[in-house]
Structures are given as C-alpha cells and as structure tokens.
C-alpha atoms as a PDB file:
ATOM      1  CA  UNK A   1     -17.127   0.140  18.732  1.00  0.00           C
ATOM      2  CA  UNK A   2     -17.723  -2.216  21.659  1.00  0.00           C
ATOM      3  CA  UNK A   3     -15.774  -3.427  24.312  1.00  0.00           C
ATOM      4  CA  UNK A   4     -15.478  -6.810  23.170  1.00  0.00           C
ATOM      5  CA  UNK A   5     -14.988  -5.928  19.251  1.00  0.00           C
ATOM      6  CA  UNK A   6     -12.378  -3.470  19.954  1.00  0.00           C
ATOM      7  CA  UNK A   7     -10.431  -6.077  22.374  1.00  0.00           C
ATOM      8  CA  UNK A   8     -10.831  -8.852  19.016  1.00  0.00           C
ATOM      9  CA  UNK A   9      -9.711  -6.227  17.044  1.00  0.00           C
ATOM     10  CA  UNK A  10      -6.503  -4.856  19.095  1.00  0.00           C
ATOM     11  CA  UNK A  11      -5.177  -8.381  19.863  1.00  0.00           C
ATOM     12  CA  UNK A  12      -5.705  -9.425  16.491  1.00  0.00           C
ATOM     13  CA  UNK A  13      -3.618  -6.413  15.546  1.00  0.00           C
ATOM     14  CA  UNK A  14      -1.310  -6.686  18.713  1.00  0.00           C
ATOM     15  CA  UNK A  15      -0.837 -10.332  16.935  1.00  0.00           C
ATOM     16  CA  UNK A  16      -0.159  -8.849  13.474  1.00  0.00           C
ATOM     17  CA  UNK A  17       2.110  -5.830  14.826  1.00  0.00           C
ATOM     18  CA  UNK A  18       3.103  -6.069  17.806  1.00  0.00           C
ATOM     19  CA  UNK A  19       6.969  -6.068  17.377  1.00  0.00           C
ATOM     20  CA  UNK A  20       6.765  -3.136  15.745  1.00  0.00           C
ATOM     21  CA  UNK A  21       5.634  -1.111  19.117  1.00  0.00           C
ATOM     22  CA  UNK A  22       8.012  -0.554  21.396  1.00  0.00           C
ATOM     23  CA  UNK A  23       8.535  -3.388  24.339  1.00  0.00           C
ATOM     24  CA  UNK A  24       6.926  -1.438  26.869  1.00  0.00           C
ATOM     25  CA  UNK A  25       3.872  -0.691  24.713  1.00  0.00           C
ATOM     26  CA  UNK A  26       3.407  -4.322  23.678  1.00  0.00           C
ATOM     27  CA  UNK A  27       3.520  -5.423  27.435  1.00  0.00           C
ATOM     28  CA  UNK A  28       1.188  -2.769  28.011  1.00  0.00           C
ATOM     29  CA  UNK A  29      -1.272  -2.898  25.417  1.00  0.00           C
ATOM     30  CA  UNK A  30      -0.982  -6.571  25.688  1.00  0.00           C
ATOM     31  CA  UNK A  31      -1.697  -6.950  29.598  1.00  0.00           C
ATOM     32  CA  UNK A  32      -4.580  -4.840  28.958  1.00  0.00           C
ATOM     33  CA  UNK A  33      -6.099  -6.598  25.828  1.00  0.00           C
ATOM     34  CA  UNK A  34      -4.943 -10.080  26.275  1.00  0.00           C
ATOM     35  CA  UNK A  35      -5.343 -10.521  30.024  1.00  0.00           C
ATOM     36  CA  UNK A  36      -8.224  -8.304  30.401  1.00  0.00           C
ATOM     37  CA  UNK A  37      -5.668  -5.900  33.289  1.00  0.00           C
ATOM     38  CA  UNK A  38      -7.619  -2.876  34.394  1.00  0.00           C
ATOM     39  CA  UNK A  39      -4.667   0.496  34.052  1.00  0.00           C
ATOM     40  CA  UNK A  40      -4.188   0.609  37.468  1.00  0.00           C
ATOM     41  CA  UNK A  41      -4.105  -3.138  37.839  1.00  0.00           C
ATOM     42  CA  UNK A  42      -0.964  -2.566  35.268  1.00  0.00           C
ATOM     43  CA  UNK A  43       0.480   0.426  36.836  1.00  0.00           C
ATOM     44  CA  UNK A  44       0.960  -0.963  40.491  1.00  0.00           C
ATOM     45  CA  UNK A  45       2.368  -3.941  39.090  1.00  0.00           C
ATOM     46  CA  UNK A  46       5.269  -1.705  36.645  1.00  0.00           C
ATOM     47  CA  UNK A  47       5.691   0.726  39.381  1.00  0.00           C
ATOM     48  CA  UNK A  48       4.351   3.351  37.302  1.00  0.00           C
ATOM     49  CA  UNK A  49       1.374   5.721  37.188  1.00  0.00           C
ATOM     50  CA  UNK A  50      -1.978   5.030  35.601  1.00  0.00           C
ATOM     51  CA  UNK A  51      -1.404   8.245  33.259  1.00  0.00           C
ATOM     52  CA  UNK A  52       1.383   6.478  32.121  1.00  0.00           C
ATOM     53  CA  UNK A  53      -0.137   3.236  31.558  1.00  0.00           C
ATOM     54  CA  UNK A  54      -2.391   5.077  29.709  1.00  0.00           C
ATOM     55  CA  UNK A  55      -0.561   7.211  27.520  1.00  0.00           C
ATOM     56  CA  UNK A  56       1.361   4.119  26.738  1.00  0.00           C
ATOM     57  CA  UNK A  57      -1.626   2.028  25.596  1.00  0.00           C
ATOM     58  CA  UNK A  58      -3.084   5.209  23.742  1.00  0.00           C
ATOM     59  CA  UNK A  59       0.103   5.392  21.761  1.00  0.00           C
ATOM     60  CA  UNK A  60       0.377   1.961  21.183  1.00  0.00           C
ATOM     61  CA  UNK A  61      -3.055   2.133  19.460  1.00  0.00           C
ATOM     62  CA  UNK A  62      -2.719   4.885  17.233  1.00  0.00           C
ATOM     63  CA  UNK A  63       0.240   3.367  16.357  1.00  0.00           C
ATOM     64  CA  UNK A  64      -1.147  -0.006  15.273  1.00  0.00           C
ATOM     65  CA  UNK A  65      -4.360   1.623  13.330  1.00  0.00           C
ATOM     66  CA  UNK A  66      -1.999   3.106  11.544  1.00  0.00           C
ATOM     67  CA  UNK A  67       0.444   0.241  10.346  1.00  0.00           C
ATOM     68  CA  UNK A  68      -3.408  -1.514   9.959  1.00  0.00           C
ATOM     69  CA  UNK A  69      -4.151   1.661   7.300  1.00  0.00           C
ATOM     70  CA  UNK A  70      -1.526   1.526   5.617  1.00  0.00           C
ATOM     71  CA  UNK A  71      -0.775  -3.003   5.177  1.00  0.00           C
ATOM     72  CA  UNK A  72      -4.023  -3.406   5.532  1.00  0.00           C
ATOM     73  CA  UNK A  73      -3.131  -6.866   6.378  1.00  0.00           C
ATOM     74  CA  UNK A  74      -6.114  -8.085   9.016  1.00  0.00           C
ATOM     75  CA  UNK A  75      -8.447  -6.133   6.292  1.00  0.00           C
ATOM     76  CA  UNK A  76      -7.075  -8.321   4.291  1.00  0.00           C
ATOM     77  CA  UNK A  77      -7.187 -12.369   6.297  1.00  0.00           C
ATOM     78  CA  UNK A  78     -10.547 -10.901   7.343  1.00  0.00           C
ATOM     79  CA  UNK A  79     -11.274 -10.918   2.918  1.00  0.00           C
ATOM     80  CA  UNK A  80      -9.764 -14.708   2.456  1.00  0.00           C
ATOM     81  CA  UNK A  81     -11.368 -16.024   5.279  1.00  0.00           C
ATOM     82  CA  UNK A  82     -14.721 -15.116   4.469  1.00  0.00           C
ATOM     83  CA  UNK A  83     -14.409 -16.302   0.627  1.00  0.00           C
ATOM     84  CA  UNK A  84     -12.987 -19.560   2.038  1.00  0.00           C
ATOM     85  CA  UNK A  85     -16.067 -19.960   3.691  1.00  0.00           C
ATOM     86  CA  UNK A  86     -17.767 -19.584   0.767  1.00  0.00           C
ATOM     87  CA  UNK A  87     -15.704 -22.214  -1.148  1.00  0.00           C
ATOM     88  CA  UNK A  88     -16.485 -24.861   0.865  1.00  0.00           C
ATOM     89  CA  UNK A  89     -20.364 -24.778  -0.261  1.00  0.00           C
ATOM     90  CA  UNK A  90     -19.220 -23.937  -3.862  1.00  0.00           C
ATOM     91  CA  UNK A  91     -18.620 -26.529  -6.484  1.00  0.00           C
ATOM     92  CA  UNK A  92     -17.757 -26.011 -10.063  1.00  0.00           C
ATOM     93  CA  UNK A  93     -16.448 -22.345 -11.467  1.00  0.00           C
ATOM     94  CA  UNK A  94     -17.798 -20.587  -9.112  1.00  0.00           C
ATOM     95  CA  UNK A  95     -15.236 -23.092  -6.331  1.00  0.00           C
ATOM     96  CA  UNK A  96     -12.087 -21.307  -9.265  1.00  0.00           C
ATOM     97  CA  UNK A  97     -13.157 -18.403  -9.171  1.00  0.00           C
ATOM     98  CA  UNK A  98     -13.473 -17.761  -5.498  1.00  0.00           C
ATOM     99  CA  UNK A  99      -9.681 -19.375  -5.259  1.00  0.00           C
ATOM    100  CA  UNK A 100      -8.528 -16.781  -7.883  1.00  0.00           C
ATOM    101  CA  UNK A 101     -10.215 -14.282  -5.639  1.00  0.00           C
ATOM    102  CA  UNK A 102      -7.812 -15.865  -2.675  1.00  0.00           C
ATOM    103  CA  UNK A 103      -4.596 -15.647  -4.652  1.00  0.00           C
ATOM    104  CA  UNK A 104      -4.789 -12.244  -6.178  1.00  0.00           C
ATOM    105  CA  UNK A 105      -5.428 -10.931  -2.389  1.00  0.00           C
ATOM    106  CA  UNK A 106      -2.457 -12.828  -1.307  1.00  0.00           C
ATOM    107  CA  UNK A 107      -0.234 -11.913  -4.587  1.00  0.00           C
ATOM    108  CA  UNK A 108      -1.639  -7.677  -3.242  1.00  0.00           C
ATOM    109  CA  UNK A 109       1.439  -8.090  -0.413  1.00  0.00           C
ATOM    110  CA  UNK A 110       3.944  -8.447  -3.188  1.00  0.00           C
ATOM    111  CA  UNK A 111       4.978 -11.849  -1.812  1.00  0.00           C
END
C-alpha cells in the first residue's frame, strides 16, 4: 500500500475507532497521519525516544486493523457510498434495489 493510501486509510480508521485507543496511541497516530509529523518530531515534542513513538504507533495501527477486521465499519461505509453514487443515476427498479442494498448493509450493523 502506498503512503497516500495508507495515510487516507488510517485517518479514516482513526476517525472511526480512535476513541478505542489509549490517549497516547491516539495522539501519536493522529500526529503522524493527520499532521504528517515525523517520528522524531513527535518524540521531541513529547520528550521521549523515537522508538517509543514508533512502538506506540505500531500498536495503534495493529489495534485499528483488528477493530476493522472484526467490525468492518469502514468497509461497509465504502460500500454504501459506492451504492449511493450508482443510485444517483439509476431509475425505477434498479434504484429501488440499490436502496434496498443500502438498507441491508445498515441493518448488518445491528442497530
């Protein structure tokens, strides 16, 4: 995965699951992905080692990936957005079917 795709993915996962991380993991991952700070810059700002920052971010990413693997919120959101785009140009029965698909996805959240 290239750097831009990785940044976009983890920003989205931070937005969805960030509150489930420790405050430190969230802060460091947010600084790294949202503000494009280097590990060294984050370490210096927090008066800790670069390796401590790297470790916290790695743990955060592992947790974010595990949450998404289990809950699939980002995946479902992407599907819904793709269906909405299709539905904009659809008419009649096709539009109804697309809207029903959105309803099925939302229902799978268990809400």
